[in-house]
Amino acid sequence: MEKEYDIDSLVSNIDFNSGSFQNINGMMLTNQEIEVLDRYKIPYQKCSNLKEIIYEIEEIINDSDIVDEDLDYISSTIAERDYYQNTNK
């Protein structure tokens, strides 16, 4: 017996916005990354490249006893994007 799915309900629960990219001073950041950076008051608008943002994130991680999983996650996604954008192929 095949299970029926309510497609409209499934699609309405998908968050298409958080993964959308924004161009901030020539750097591509997702809405989710921006939200987490804002939550931690990381001044990403003043940074000129992704490495500077990663540095700011690492400073907070090193100064904090408890690290939010979201902060750790966006640090790794930004680092990965920086690697692929700035590594000679």
N, C-alpha and C. Protein backbone atom coordinates (compact mmCIF):
# COMPACT_ATOMS: atom_id res chain seq x y z
N MET A 1 0.84 -1.19 0.00
CA MET A 1 0.00 0.00 0.00
C MET A 1 0.89 1.25 0.00
N GLU A 2 0.63 2.16 -0.91
CA GLU A 2 1.43 3.37 -1.05
C GLU A 2 0.90 4.45 -0.10
N LYS A 3 1.82 5.11 0.57
CA LYS A 3 1.46 6.16 1.52
C LYS A 3 1.21 7.46 0.77
N GLU A 4 0.17 8.17 1.17
CA GLU A 4 -0.18 9.45 0.54
C GLU A 4 0.45 10.59 1.34
N TYR A 5 0.97 11.58 0.62
CA TYR A 5 1.56 12.75 1.26
C TYR A 5 0.81 13.99 0.84
N ASP A 6 0.67 14.91 1.79
CA ASP A 6 0.06 16.20 1.50
C ASP A 6 1.19 17.14 1.05
N ILE A 7 1.36 17.23 -0.26
CA ILE A 7 2.46 18.01 -0.85
C ILE A 7 2.40 19.47 -0.40
N ASP A 8 1.22 20.06 -0.40
CA ASP A 8 1.10 21.47 0.00
C ASP A 8 1.59 21.68 1.43
N SER A 9 1.28 20.75 2.31
CA SER A 9 1.71 20.85 3.70
C SER A 9 3.23 20.69 3.79
N LEU A 10 3.78 19.74 3.07
CA LEU A 10 5.23 19.52 3.10
C LEU A 10 5.98 20.74 2.56
N VAL A 11 5.53 21.29 1.45
CA VAL A 11 6.21 22.43 0.84
C VAL A 11 6.08 23.67 1.72
N SER A 12 4.96 23.84 2.37
CA SER A 12 4.77 25.03 3.21
C SER A 12 5.69 25.01 4.42
N ASN A 13 6.21 23.84 4.80
CA ASN A 13 7.11 23.73 5.96
C ASN A 13 8.58 23.88 5.59
N ILE A 14 8.89 24.00 4.31
CA ILE A 14 10.29 24.14 3.87
C ILE A 14 10.69 25.60 3.96
N ASP A 15 11.86 25.83 4.55
CA ASP A 15 12.38 27.19 4.68
C ASP A 15 13.33 27.46 3.51
N PHE A 16 12.81 28.14 2.50
CA PHE A 16 13.61 28.45 1.32
C PHE A 16 14.46 29.70 1.54
N ASN A 17 14.12 30.51 2.52
CA ASN A 17 14.76 31.81 2.72
C ASN A 17 16.10 31.73 3.44
N SER A 18 16.26 30.83 4.40
CA SER A 18 17.47 30.83 5.23
C SER A 18 18.73 30.50 4.43
N GLY A 19 18.59 29.76 3.33
CA GLY A 19 19.74 29.41 2.52
C GLY A 19 20.02 30.38 1.40
N SER A 20 19.21 31.41 1.29
CA SER A 20 19.42 32.41 0.23
C SER A 20 20.63 33.27 0.55
N PHE A 21 21.39 33.58 -0.49
CA PHE A 21 22.61 34.37 -0.30
C PHE A 21 22.33 35.86 -0.41
N GLN A 22 23.09 36.62 0.40
CA GLN A 22 23.09 38.08 0.35
C GLN A 22 24.52 38.51 0.06
N ASN A 23 24.67 39.54 -0.74
CA ASN A 23 25.99 40.08 -1.04
C ASN A 23 26.27 41.19 -0.03
N ILE A 24 27.21 40.93 0.87
CA ILE A 24 27.59 41.90 1.90
C ILE A 24 29.05 42.31 1.60
N ASN A 25 29.23 43.52 1.10
CA ASN A 25 30.58 44.01 0.77
C ASN A 25 31.36 43.05 -0.12
N GLY A 26 30.67 42.43 -1.07
CA GLY A 26 31.32 41.50 -1.98
C GLY A 26 31.47 40.09 -1.44
N MET A 27 31.00 39.86 -0.21
CA MET A 27 31.05 38.51 0.39
C MET A 27 29.66 37.91 0.33
N MET A 28 29.59 36.65 -0.01
CA MET A 28 28.30 35.98 -0.06
C MET A 28 28.04 35.27 1.27
N LEU A 29 26.96 35.70 1.95
CA LEU A 29 26.55 35.09 3.21
C LEU A 29 25.09 34.70 3.10
N THR A 30 24.73 33.57 3.69
CA THR A 30 23.33 33.16 3.68
C THR A 30 22.56 33.94 4.73
N ASN A 31 21.25 33.97 4.58
CA ASN A 31 20.41 34.64 5.58
C ASN A 31 20.59 33.99 6.95
N GLN A 32 20.76 32.67 6.99
CA GLN A 32 20.97 31.97 8.26
C GLN A 32 22.28 32.42 8.90
N GLU A 33 23.34 32.52 8.10
CA GLU A 33 24.63 32.97 8.64
C GLU A 33 24.52 34.39 9.17
N ILE A 34 23.86 35.25 8.43
CA ILE A 34 23.67 36.64 8.86
C ILE A 34 22.91 36.70 10.18
N GLU A 35 21.87 35.89 10.30
CA GLU A 35 21.06 35.87 11.53
C GLU A 35 21.91 35.46 12.73
N VAL A 36 22.77 34.45 12.57
CA VAL A 36 23.62 34.00 13.67
C VAL A 36 24.69 35.06 13.98
N LEU A 37 25.29 35.64 12.94
CA LEU A 37 26.28 36.70 13.16
C LEU A 37 25.66 37.88 13.90
N ASP A 38 24.44 38.25 13.53
CA ASP A 38 23.73 39.33 14.22
C ASP A 38 23.46 38.97 15.68
N ARG A 39 23.07 37.72 15.92
CA ARG A 39 22.76 37.27 17.28
C ARG A 39 23.98 37.42 18.19
N TYR A 40 25.16 37.17 17.66
CA TYR A 40 26.38 37.27 18.44
C TYR A 40 27.06 38.63 18.30
N LYS A 41 26.39 39.55 17.62
CA LYS A 41 26.90 40.91 17.43
C LYS A 41 28.29 40.91 16.79
N ILE A 42 28.47 40.02 15.82
CA ILE A 42 29.73 39.95 15.07
C ILE A 42 29.65 40.98 13.95
N PRO A 43 30.60 41.91 13.90
CA PRO A 43 30.53 43.03 12.94
C PRO A 43 30.95 42.63 11.52
N TYR A 44 30.20 41.72 10.92
CA TYR A 44 30.56 41.21 9.59
C TYR A 44 30.51 42.31 8.53
N GLN A 45 29.72 43.36 8.74
CA GLN A 45 29.63 44.45 7.77
C GLN A 45 30.96 45.19 7.65
N LYS A 46 31.77 45.16 8.72
CA LYS A 46 33.07 45.86 8.72
C LYS A 46 34.19 44.98 8.17
N CYS A 47 33.91 43.71 7.93
CA CYS A 47 34.93 42.79 7.43
C CYS A 47 35.05 42.93 5.91
N SER A 48 36.28 42.74 5.42
CA SER A 48 36.50 42.88 3.98
C SER A 48 36.61 41.53 3.27
N ASN A 49 36.69 40.43 4.05
CA ASN A 49 36.71 39.11 3.43
C ASN A 49 36.19 38.07 4.42
N LEU A 50 35.97 36.86 3.92
CA LEU A 50 35.41 35.80 4.75
C LEU A 50 36.36 35.38 5.87
N LYS A 51 37.66 35.46 5.62
CA LYS A 51 38.64 35.10 6.65
C LYS A 51 38.51 35.99 7.89
N GLU A 52 38.21 37.26 7.68
CA GLU A 52 38.02 38.17 8.81
C GLU A 52 36.78 37.78 9.61
N ILE A 53 35.73 37.37 8.93
CA ILE A 53 34.52 36.92 9.63
C ILE A 53 34.83 35.67 10.44
N ILE A 54 35.56 34.73 9.84
CA ILE A 54 35.94 33.51 10.54
C ILE A 54 36.77 33.86 11.78
N TYR A 55 37.68 34.81 11.65
CA TYR A 55 38.49 35.25 12.79
C TYR A 55 37.60 35.78 13.91
N GLU A 56 36.62 36.61 13.57
CA GLU A 56 35.70 37.17 14.57
C GLU A 56 34.91 36.06 15.26
N ILE A 57 34.47 35.08 14.49
CA ILE A 57 33.73 33.94 15.06
C ILE A 57 34.63 33.17 16.02
N GLU A 58 35.86 32.88 15.59
CA GLU A 58 36.80 32.12 16.42
C GLU A 58 37.11 32.86 17.72
N GLU A 59 37.18 34.18 17.68
CA GLU A 59 37.41 34.97 18.90
C GLU A 59 36.28 34.72 19.90
N ILE A 60 35.06 34.71 19.42
CA ILE A 60 33.91 34.48 20.32
C ILE A 60 33.93 33.06 20.84
N ILE A 61 34.22 32.10 19.96
CA ILE A 61 34.28 30.70 20.39
C ILE A 61 35.36 30.52 21.46
N ASN A 62 36.52 31.12 21.24
CA ASN A 62 37.63 30.98 22.20
C ASN A 62 37.35 31.68 23.53
N ASP A 63 36.57 32.77 23.51
CA ASP A 63 36.27 33.52 24.72
C ASP A 63 35.05 33.00 25.47
N SER A 64 34.36 32.03 24.89
CA SER A 64 33.10 31.56 25.46
C SER A 64 33.27 30.18 26.07
N ASP A 65 32.58 29.97 27.18
CA ASP A 65 32.59 28.64 27.80
C ASP A 65 31.65 27.69 27.07
N ILE A 66 30.56 28.23 26.58
CA ILE A 66 29.55 27.43 25.89
C ILE A 66 29.46 27.92 24.45
N VAL A 67 29.59 27.00 23.52
CA VAL A 67 29.54 27.38 22.12
C VAL A 67 28.22 26.90 21.53
N ASP A 68 27.50 27.84 20.94
CA ASP A 68 26.25 27.53 20.27
C ASP A 68 26.57 26.71 19.02
N GLU A 69 25.83 25.65 18.80
CA GLU A 69 26.04 24.81 17.62
C GLU A 69 25.89 25.61 16.33
N ASP A 70 24.98 26.58 16.33
CA ASP A 70 24.78 27.41 15.14
C ASP A 70 26.04 28.19 14.80
N LEU A 71 26.71 28.73 15.80
CA LEU A 71 27.92 29.51 15.57
C LEU A 71 29.03 28.61 15.02
N ASP A 72 29.18 27.45 15.59
CA ASP A 72 30.17 26.50 15.11
C ASP A 72 29.85 26.06 13.68
N TYR A 73 28.59 25.83 13.40
CA TYR A 73 28.17 25.40 12.06
C TYR A 73 28.46 26.48 11.01
N ILE A 74 28.07 27.73 11.29
CA ILE A 74 28.30 28.76 10.26
C ILE A 74 29.78 29.05 10.10
N SER A 75 30.57 28.86 11.15
CA SER A 75 32.02 29.01 11.02
C SER A 75 32.54 28.02 9.99
N SER A 76 32.07 26.78 10.07
CA SER A 76 32.54 25.77 9.12
C SER A 76 32.01 26.01 7.71
N THR A 77 30.76 26.48 7.57
CA THR A 77 30.23 26.72 6.22
C THR A 77 30.93 27.91 5.56
N ILE A 78 31.22 28.95 6.33
CA ILE A 78 31.92 30.11 5.78
C ILE A 78 33.35 29.73 5.42
N ALA A 79 34.01 28.94 6.28
CA ALA A 79 35.38 28.50 6.00
C ALA A 79 35.42 27.64 4.73
N GLU A 80 34.45 26.78 4.57
CA GLU A 80 34.40 25.94 3.36
C GLU A 80 34.19 26.80 2.12
N ARG A 81 33.29 27.76 2.19
CA ARG A 81 33.04 28.65 1.05
C ARG A 81 34.30 29.47 0.73
N ASP A 82 34.97 29.96 1.76
CA ASP A 82 36.20 30.71 1.55
C ASP A 82 37.25 29.84 0.87
N TYR A 83 37.37 28.61 1.30
CA TYR A 83 38.35 27.69 0.72
C TYR A 83 38.08 27.50 -0.78
N TYR A 84 36.84 27.20 -1.13
CA TYR A 84 36.52 26.93 -2.54
C TYR A 84 36.58 28.18 -3.40
N GLN A 85 36.29 29.34 -2.83
CA GLN A 85 36.34 30.57 -3.61
C GLN A 85 37.77 31.08 -3.80
N ASN A 86 38.64 30.80 -2.85
CA ASN A 86 39.96 31.43 -2.86
C ASN A 86 41.13 30.47 -3.03
N THR A 87 40.85 29.23 -3.36
CA THR A 87 41.93 28.28 -3.59
C THR A 87 42.16 28.17 -5.10
N ASN A 88 43.40 28.28 -5.50
CA ASN A 88 43.73 28.15 -6.93
C ASN A 88 43.44 26.73 -7.38
N LYS A 89 42.80 26.64 -8.50
CA LYS A 89 42.41 25.32 -9.01
C LYS A 89 43.33 24.90 -10.11
